[in-house]
PDB file of N, CA and C in Angstrom:
ATOM      1  N   MET A   1      47.303  53.157 -38.356  1.00  0.00           N
ATOM      2  CA  MET A   1      46.012  53.731 -38.694  1.00  0.00           C
ATOM      3  C   MET A   1      46.069  55.239 -38.422  1.00  0.00           C
ATOM      4  N   THR A   2      45.600  56.002 -39.378  1.00  0.00           N
ATOM      5  CA  THR A   2      45.624  57.455 -39.212  1.00  0.00           C
ATOM      6  C   THR A   2      44.521  57.893 -38.237  1.00  0.00           C
ATOM      7  N   PRO A   3      44.670  59.078 -37.660  1.00  0.00           N
ATOM      8  CA  PRO A   3      43.615  59.579 -36.761  1.00  0.00           C
ATOM      9  C   PRO A   3      42.254  59.679 -37.451  1.00  0.00           C
ATOM     10  N   LEU A   4      42.263  60.024 -38.738  1.00  0.00           N
ATOM     11  CA  LEU A   4      41.006  60.139 -39.474  1.00  0.00           C
ATOM     12  C   LEU A   4      40.321  58.776 -39.580  1.00  0.00           C
ATOM     13  N   LYS A   5      41.057  57.759 -39.948  1.00  0.00           N
ATOM     14  CA  LYS A   5      40.472  56.419 -40.064  1.00  0.00           C
ATOM     15  C   LYS A   5      40.027  55.921 -38.691  1.00  0.00           C
ATOM     16  N   ARG A   6      40.828  56.151 -37.682  1.00  0.00           N
ATOM     17  CA  ARG A   6      40.476  55.717 -36.327  1.00  0.00           C
ATOM     18  C   ARG A   6      39.154  56.351 -35.889  1.00  0.00           C
ATOM     19  N   ALA A   7      39.000  57.651 -36.163  1.00  0.00           N
ATOM     20  CA  ALA A   7      37.760  58.350 -35.783  1.00  0.00           C
ATOM     21  C   ALA A   7      36.565  57.789 -36.550  1.00  0.00           C
ATOM     22  N   ARG A   8      36.764  57.488 -37.832  1.00  0.00           N
ATOM     23  CA  ARG A   8      35.676  56.951 -38.644  1.00  0.00           C
ATOM     24  C   ARG A   8      35.279  55.551 -38.174  1.00  0.00           C
ATOM     25  N   ILE A   9      36.256  54.708 -37.934  1.00  0.00           N
ATOM     26  CA  ILE A   9      35.988  53.341 -37.492  1.00  0.00           C
ATOM     27  C   ILE A   9      35.318  53.335 -36.117  1.00  0.00           C
ATOM     28  N   THR A  10      35.777  54.212 -35.232  1.00  0.00           N
ATOM     29  CA  THR A  10      35.189  54.307 -33.893  1.00  0.00           C
ATOM     30  C   THR A  10      33.691  54.601 -33.969  1.00  0.00           C
ATOM     31  N   ARG A  11      33.321  55.442 -34.921  1.00  0.00           N
ATOM     32  CA  ARG A  11      31.907  55.792 -35.084  1.00  0.00           C
ATOM     33  C   ARG A  11      31.140  54.794 -35.943  1.00  0.00           C
ATOM     34  N   LYS A  12      31.846  53.800 -36.464  1.00  0.00           N
ATOM     35  CA  LYS A  12      31.242  52.781 -37.331  1.00  0.00           C
ATOM     36  C   LYS A  12      30.632  53.391 -38.587  1.00  0.00           C
ATOM     37  N   TRP A  13      31.306  54.410 -39.127  1.00  0.00           N
ATOM     38  CA  TRP A  13      30.885  55.048 -40.356  1.00  0.00           C
ATOM     39  C   TRP A  13      31.657  54.456 -41.524  1.00  0.00           C
ATOM     40  N   THR A  14      31.019  54.422 -42.680  1.00  0.00           N
ATOM     41  CA  THR A  14      31.706  54.059 -43.905  1.00  0.00           C
ATOM     42  C   THR A  14      32.270  55.330 -44.534  1.00  0.00           C
ATOM     43  N   LEU A  15      33.107  55.157 -45.539  1.00  0.00           N
ATOM     44  CA  LEU A  15      33.602  56.325 -46.269  1.00  0.00           C
ATOM     45  C   LEU A  15      32.438  57.062 -46.933  1.00  0.00           C
ATOM     46  N   ALA A  16      31.436  56.318 -47.388  1.00  0.00           N
ATOM     47  CA  ALA A  16      30.252  56.948 -47.981  1.00  0.00           C
ATOM     48  C   ALA A  16      29.494  57.791 -46.946  1.00  0.00           C
ATOM     49  N   ASP A  17      29.453  57.325 -45.704  1.00  0.00           N
ATOM     50  CA  ASP A  17      28.812  58.103 -44.635  1.00  0.00           C
ATOM     51  C   ASP A  17      29.524  59.439 -44.444  1.00  0.00           C
ATOM     52  N   VAL A  18      30.854  59.393 -44.415  1.00  0.00           N
ATOM     53  CA  VAL A  18      31.635  60.621 -44.229  1.00  0.00           C
ATOM     54  C   VAL A  18      31.415  61.541 -45.415  1.00  0.00           C
ATOM     55  N   SER A  19      31.420  60.991 -46.623  1.00  0.00           N
ATOM     56  CA  SER A  19      31.192  61.779 -47.831  1.00  0.00           C
ATOM     57  C   SER A  19      29.835  62.478 -47.781  1.00  0.00           C
ATOM     58  N   ALA A  20      28.807  61.758 -47.344  1.00  0.00           N
ATOM     59  CA  ALA A  20      27.464  62.337 -47.234  1.00  0.00           C
ATOM     60  C   ALA A  20      27.431  63.456 -46.198  1.00  0.00           C
ATOM     61  N   ARG A  21      28.134  63.270 -45.098  1.00  0.00           N
ATOM     62  CA  ARG A  21      28.175  64.306 -44.062  1.00  0.00           C
ATOM     63  C   ARG A  21      28.945  65.534 -44.553  1.00  0.00           C
ATOM     64  N   LEU A  22      29.998  65.309 -45.318  1.00  0.00           N
ATOM     65  CA  LEU A  22      30.741  66.434 -45.893  1.00  0.00           C
ATOM     66  C   LEU A  22      29.850  67.236 -46.838  1.00  0.00           C
ATOM     67  N   ALA A  23      28.995  66.541 -47.572  1.00  0.00           N
ATOM     68  CA  ALA A  23      28.090  67.215 -48.509  1.00  0.00           C
ATOM     69  C   ALA A  23      27.175  68.193 -47.778  1.00  0.00           C
ATOM     70  N   GLN A  24      26.834  67.874 -46.539  1.00  0.00           N
ATOM     71  CA  GLN A  24      26.002  68.780 -45.742  1.00  0.00           C
ATOM     72  C   GLN A  24      26.725  70.086 -45.442  1.00  0.00           C
ATOM     73  N   PHE A  25      28.067  70.065 -45.476  1.00  0.00           N
ATOM     74  CA  PHE A  25      28.860  71.278 -45.275  1.00  0.00           C
ATOM     75  C   PHE A  25      29.226  71.931 -46.609  1.00  0.00           C
ATOM     76  N   GLY A  26      28.694  71.378 -47.702  1.00  0.00           N
ATOM     77  CA  GLY A  26      28.947  71.948 -49.013  1.00  0.00           C
ATOM     78  C   GLY A  26      30.213  71.436 -49.678  1.00  0.00           C
ATOM     79  N   ASP A  27      30.803  70.364 -49.156  1.00  0.00           N
ATOM     80  CA  ASP A  27      32.010  69.789 -49.737  1.00  0.00           C
ATOM     81  C   ASP A  27      31.661  68.501 -50.473  1.00  0.00           C
ATOM     82  N   ALA A  28      31.886  68.498 -51.780  1.00  0.00           N
ATOM     83  CA  ALA A  28      31.636  67.299 -52.574  1.00  0.00           C
ATOM     84  C   ALA A  28      32.944  66.529 -52.706  1.00  0.00           C
ATOM     85  N   VAL A  29      33.096  65.495 -51.893  1.00  0.00           N
ATOM     86  CA  VAL A  29      34.304  64.670 -51.911  1.00  0.00           C
ATOM     87  C   VAL A  29      33.858  63.221 -51.991  1.00  0.00           C
ATOM     88  N   ASP A  30      34.338  62.524 -53.028  1.00  0.00           N
ATOM     89  CA  ASP A  30      33.918  61.131 -53.164  1.00  0.00           C
ATOM     90  C   ASP A  30      34.702  60.231 -52.219  1.00  0.00           C
ATOM     91  N   SER A  31      34.182  59.033 -52.028  1.00  0.00           N
ATOM     92  CA  SER A  31      34.779  58.111 -51.064  1.00  0.00           C
ATOM     93  C   SER A  31      36.177  57.668 -51.479  1.00  0.00           C
ATOM     94  N   GLY A  32      36.463  57.657 -52.777  1.00  0.00           N
ATOM     95  CA  GLY A  32      37.813  57.313 -53.240  1.00  0.00           C
ATOM     96  C   GLY A  32      38.846  58.319 -52.778  1.00  0.00           C
ATOM     97  N   ASN A  33      38.521  59.599 -52.895  1.00  0.00           N
ATOM     98  CA  ASN A  33      39.439  60.637 -52.410  1.00  0.00           C
ATOM     99  C   ASN A  33      39.583  60.567 -50.904  1.00  0.00           C
ATOM    100  N   LEU A  34      38.476  60.340 -50.210  1.00  0.00           N
ATOM    101  CA  LEU A  34      38.542  60.220 -48.748  1.00  0.00           C
ATOM    102  C   LEU A  34      39.427  59.049 -48.345  1.00  0.00           C
ATOM    103  N   SER A  35      39.327  57.954 -49.066  1.00  0.00           N
ATOM    104  CA  SER A  35      40.150  56.787 -48.772  1.00  0.00           C
ATOM    105  C   SER A  35      41.635  57.124 -48.916  1.00  0.00           C
ATOM    106  N   ARG A  36      41.987  57.855 -49.979  1.00  0.00           N
ATOM    107  CA  ARG A  36      43.390  58.233 -50.187  1.00  0.00           C
ATOM    108  C   ARG A  36      43.881  59.180 -49.094  1.00  0.00           C
ATOM    109  N   VAL A  37      43.032  60.095 -48.673  1.00  0.00           N
ATOM    110  CA  VAL A  37      43.395  61.002 -47.577  1.00  0.00           C
ATOM    111  C   VAL A  37      43.565  60.200 -46.294  1.00  0.00           C
ATOM    112  N   GLU A  38      42.630  59.309 -46.050  1.00  0.00           N
ATOM    113  CA  GLU A  38      42.645  58.492 -44.832  1.00  0.00           C
ATOM    114  C   GLU A  38      43.895  57.621 -44.746  1.00  0.00           C
ATOM    115  N   ARG A  39      44.355  57.111 -45.883  1.00  0.00           N
ATOM    116  CA  ARG A  39      45.536  56.245 -45.908  1.00  0.00           C
ATOM    117  C   ARG A  39      46.842  57.022 -45.986  1.00  0.00           C
ATOM    118  N   GLY A  40      46.752  58.348 -46.145  1.00  0.00           N
ATOM    119  CA  GLY A  40      47.957  59.161 -46.223  1.00  0.00           C
ATOM    120  C   GLY A  40      48.593  59.181 -47.597  1.00  0.00           C
ATOM    121  N   VAL A  41      47.880  58.691 -48.599  1.00  0.00           N
ATOM    122  CA  VAL A  41      48.380  58.683 -49.969  1.00  0.00           C
ATOM    123  C   VAL A  41      48.209  60.065 -50.595  1.00  0.00           C
ATOM    124  N   GLN A  42      47.191  60.780 -50.155  1.00  0.00           N
ATOM    125  CA  GLN A  42      46.863  62.108 -50.672  1.00  0.00           C
ATOM    126  C   GLN A  42      46.671  63.042 -49.488  1.00  0.00           C
ATOM    127  N   ARG A  43      47.173  64.263 -49.606  1.00  0.00           N
ATOM    128  CA  ARG A  43      46.982  65.262 -48.553  1.00  0.00           C
ATOM    129  C   ARG A  43      45.651  65.970 -48.744  1.00  0.00           C
ATOM    130  N   ALA A  44      44.955  66.182 -47.661  1.00  0.00           N
ATOM    131  CA  ALA A  44      43.716  66.958 -47.702  1.00  0.00           C
ATOM    132  C   ALA A  44      44.062  68.436 -47.858  1.00  0.00           C
ATOM    133  N   SER A  45      43.184  69.164 -48.493  1.00  0.00           N
ATOM    134  CA  SER A  45      43.334  70.616 -48.533  1.00  0.00           C
ATOM    135  C   SER A  45      42.961  71.158 -47.152  1.00  0.00           C
ATOM    136  N   VAL A  46      43.363  72.368 -46.872  1.00  0.00           N
ATOM    137  CA  VAL A  46      43.014  72.966 -45.581  1.00  0.00           C
ATOM    138  C   VAL A  46      41.496  73.082 -45.419  1.00  0.00           C
ATOM    139  N   PRO A  47      40.767  73.546 -46.447  1.00  0.00           N
ATOM    140  CA  PRO A  47      39.302  73.596 -46.276  1.00  0.00           C
ATOM    141  C   PRO A  47      38.674  72.217 -46.028  1.00  0.00           C
ATOM    142  N   LEU A  48      39.179  71.180 -46.696  1.00  0.00           N
ATOM    143  CA  LEU A  48      38.652  69.837 -46.463  1.00  0.00           C
ATOM    144  C   LEU A  48      38.967  69.381 -45.043  1.00  0.00           C
ATOM    145  N   ALA A  49      40.169  69.644 -44.585  1.00  0.00           N
ATOM    146  CA  ALA A  49      40.538  69.270 -43.210  1.00  0.00           C
ATOM    147  C   ALA A  49      39.634  69.966 -42.198  1.00  0.00           C
ATOM    148  N   GLU A  50      39.311  71.220 -42.446  1.00  0.00           N
ATOM    149  CA  GLU A  50      38.413  71.960 -41.549  1.00  0.00           C
ATOM    150  C   GLU A  50      37.023  71.324 -41.541  1.00  0.00           C
ATOM    151  N   SER A  51      36.540  70.974 -42.731  1.00  0.00           N
ATOM    152  CA  SER A  51      35.212  70.356 -42.815  1.00  0.00           C
ATOM    153  C   SER A  51      35.199  68.984 -42.150  1.00  0.00           C
ATOM    154  N   LEU A  52      36.247  68.201 -42.348  1.00  0.00           N
ATOM    155  CA  LEU A  52      36.317  66.888 -41.700  1.00  0.00           C
ATOM    156  C   LEU A  52      36.324  67.020 -40.185  1.00  0.00           C
ATOM    157  N   SER A  53      37.013  68.026 -39.680  1.00  0.00           N
ATOM    158  CA  SER A  53      37.022  68.256 -38.242  1.00  0.00           C
ATOM    159  C   SER A  53      35.603  68.546 -37.745  1.00  0.00           C
ATOM    160  N   LYS A  54      34.847  69.317 -38.527  1.00  0.00           N
ATOM    161  CA  LYS A  54      33.455  69.608 -38.163  1.00  0.00           C
ATOM    162  C   LYS A  54      32.598  68.347 -38.215  1.00  0.00           C
ATOM    163  N   VAL A  55      32.794  67.530 -39.247  1.00  0.00           N
ATOM    164  CA  VAL A  55      32.036  66.290 -39.387  1.00  0.00           C
ATOM    165  C   VAL A  55      32.223  65.405 -38.156  1.00  0.00           C
ATOM    166  N   PHE A  56      33.457  65.405 -37.630  1.00  0.00           N
ATOM    167  CA  PHE A  56      33.754  64.575 -36.457  1.00  0.00           C
ATOM    168  C   PHE A  56      33.630  65.367 -35.150  1.00  0.00           C
ATOM    169  N   ASP A  57      32.908  66.465 -35.190  1.00  0.00           N
ATOM    170  CA  ASP A  57      32.606  67.277 -34.006  1.00  0.00           C
ATOM    171  C   ASP A  57      33.845  67.636 -33.198  1.00  0.00           C
ATOM    172  N   GLY A  58      34.960  67.900 -33.885  1.00  0.00           N
ATOM    173  CA  GLY A  58      36.177  68.313 -33.200  1.00  0.00           C
ATOM    174  C   GLY A  58      36.940  67.185 -32.529  1.00  0.00           C
ATOM    175  N   GLU A  59      36.478  65.942 -32.692  1.00  0.00           N
ATOM    176  CA  GLU A  59      37.191  64.790 -32.120  1.00  0.00           C
ATOM    177  C   GLU A  59      38.614  64.717 -32.681  1.00  0.00           C
ATOM    178  N   ILE A  60      38.747  65.080 -33.950  1.00  0.00           N
ATOM    179  CA  ILE A  60      40.064  65.216 -34.573  1.00  0.00           C
ATOM    180  C   ILE A  60      40.171  66.632 -35.106  1.00  0.00           C
ATOM    181  N   THR A  61      41.376  67.150 -35.112  1.00  0.00           N
ATOM    182  CA  THR A  61      41.585  68.524 -35.574  1.00  0.00           C
ATOM    183  C   THR A  61      42.141  68.524 -36.987  1.00  0.00           C
ATOM    184  N   GLU A  62      42.228  69.711 -37.555  1.00  0.00           N
ATOM    185  CA  GLU A  62      42.819  69.853 -38.881  1.00  0.00           C
ATOM    186  C   GLU A  62      44.250  69.322 -38.887  1.00  0.00           C
ATOM    187  N   ILE A  63      44.969  69.516 -37.811  1.00  0.00           N
ATOM    188  CA  ILE A  63      46.352  69.049 -37.716  1.00  0.00           C
ATOM    189  C   ILE A  63      46.413  67.531 -37.802  1.00  0.00           C
ATOM    190  N   HIS A  64      45.486  66.830 -37.160  1.00  0.00           N
ATOM    191  CA  HIS A  64      45.426  65.371 -37.250  1.00  0.00           C
ATOM    192  C   HIS A  64      45.260  64.919 -38.706  1.00  0.00           C
ATOM    193  N   ILE A  65      44.473  65.675 -39.467  1.00  0.00           N
ATOM    194  CA  ILE A  65      44.167  65.305 -40.846  1.00  0.00           C
ATOM    195  C   ILE A  65      45.293  65.705 -41.798  1.00  0.00           C
ATOM    196  N   LEU A  66      45.841  66.898 -41.601  1.00  0.00           N
ATOM    197  CA  LEU A  66      46.889  67.389 -42.497  1.00  0.00           C
ATOM    198  C   LEU A  66      48.237  66.716 -42.254  1.00  0.00           C
ATOM    199  N   TYR A  67      48.512  66.352 -41.017  1.00  0.00           N
ATOM    200  CA  TYR A  67      49.815  65.767 -40.665  1.00  0.00           C
ATOM    201  C   TYR A  67      49.632  64.485 -39.849  1.00  0.00           C
ATOM    202  N   PRO A  68      49.039  63.456 -40.447  1.00  0.00           N
ATOM    203  CA  PRO A  68      48.772  62.222 -39.683  1.00  0.00           C
ATOM    204  C   PRO A  68      50.048  61.548 -39.188  1.00  0.00           C
ATOM    205  N   GLU A  69      51.167  61.799 -39.861  1.00  0.00           N
ATOM    206  CA  GLU A  69      52.428  61.177 -39.442  1.00  0.00           C
ATOM    207  C   GLU A  69      52.896  61.670 -38.073  1.00  0.00           C
ATOM    208  N   ARG A  70      52.363  62.772 -37.611  1.00  0.00           N
ATOM    209  CA  ARG A  70      52.720  63.288 -36.284  1.00  0.00           C
ATOM    210  C   ARG A  70      52.009  62.534 -35.162  1.00  0.00           C
ATOM    211  N   PHE A  71      51.071  61.682 -35.537  1.00  0.00           N
ATOM    212  CA  PHE A  71      50.287  60.939 -34.557  1.00  0.00           C
ATOM    213  C   PHE A  71      50.441  59.455 -34.844  1.00  0.00           C
ATOM    214  N   PRO A  72      51.568  58.896 -34.432  1.00  0.00           N
ATOM    215  CA  PRO A  72      51.862  57.496 -34.765  1.00  0.00           C
ATOM    216  C   PRO A  72      50.796  56.535 -34.250  1.00  0.00           C
ATOM    217  N   ASP A  73      50.628  55.492 -35.015  1.00  0.00           N
ATOM    218  CA  ASP A  73      49.670  54.445 -34.663  1.00  0.00           C
ATOM    219  C   ASP A  73      50.097  53.775 -33.362  1.00  0.00           C
ATOM    220  N   SER A  74      49.128  53.436 -32.571  1.00  0.00           N
ATOM    221  CA  SER A  74      49.432  52.765 -31.307  1.00  0.00           C
ATOM    222  C   SER A  74      49.595  51.263 -31.490  1.00  0.00           C
ATOM    223  N   GLY A  75      49.595  50.797 -32.756  1.00  0.00           N
ATOM    224  CA  GLY A  75      49.783  49.378 -33.020  1.00  0.00           C
ATOM    225  C   GLY A  75      48.521  48.570 -32.956  1.00  0.00           C
ATOM    226  N   GLU A  76      47.353  49.232 -32.937  1.00  0.00           N
ATOM    227  CA  GLU A  76      46.092  48.529 -32.795  1.00  0.00           C
ATOM    228  C   GLU A  76      45.450  48.187 -34.127  1.00  0.00           C
ATOM    229  N   GLU A  77      46.052  48.588 -35.253  1.00  0.00           N
ATOM    230  CA  GLU A  77      45.451  48.311 -36.542  1.00  0.00           C
ATOM    231  C   GLU A  77      45.428  46.812 -36.810  1.00  0.00           C
ATOM    232  N   ALA A  78      44.310  46.323 -37.224  1.00  0.00           N
ATOM    233  CA  ALA A  78      44.129  44.884 -37.395  1.00  0.00           C
ATOM    234  C   ALA A  78      44.579  44.372 -38.759  1.00  0.00           C
ATOM    235  N   ALA A  79      44.651  45.258 -39.758  1.00  0.00           N
ATOM    236  CA  ALA A  79      45.034  44.745 -41.061  1.00  0.00           C
ATOM    237  C   ALA A  79      45.559  45.835 -41.940  1.00  0.00           C
TER     238      ALA A  79
END
């Protein structure tokens, strides 16, 4: 599980919740794109990573979002 997904699940937010919060920062990102970023299929842009860090109040940094492979899963992913 990537740090971004872990942070979202911890807060019990849906991808739509994150998308709505990003919109408050002026970033229009649909839940499909967020899902691809969260799964590591698509890389976030630097501005998106900065906005996501703000959405999560600094719980995760831009580095967590841009380079999720540097933060290996602790094996807690359920599926």
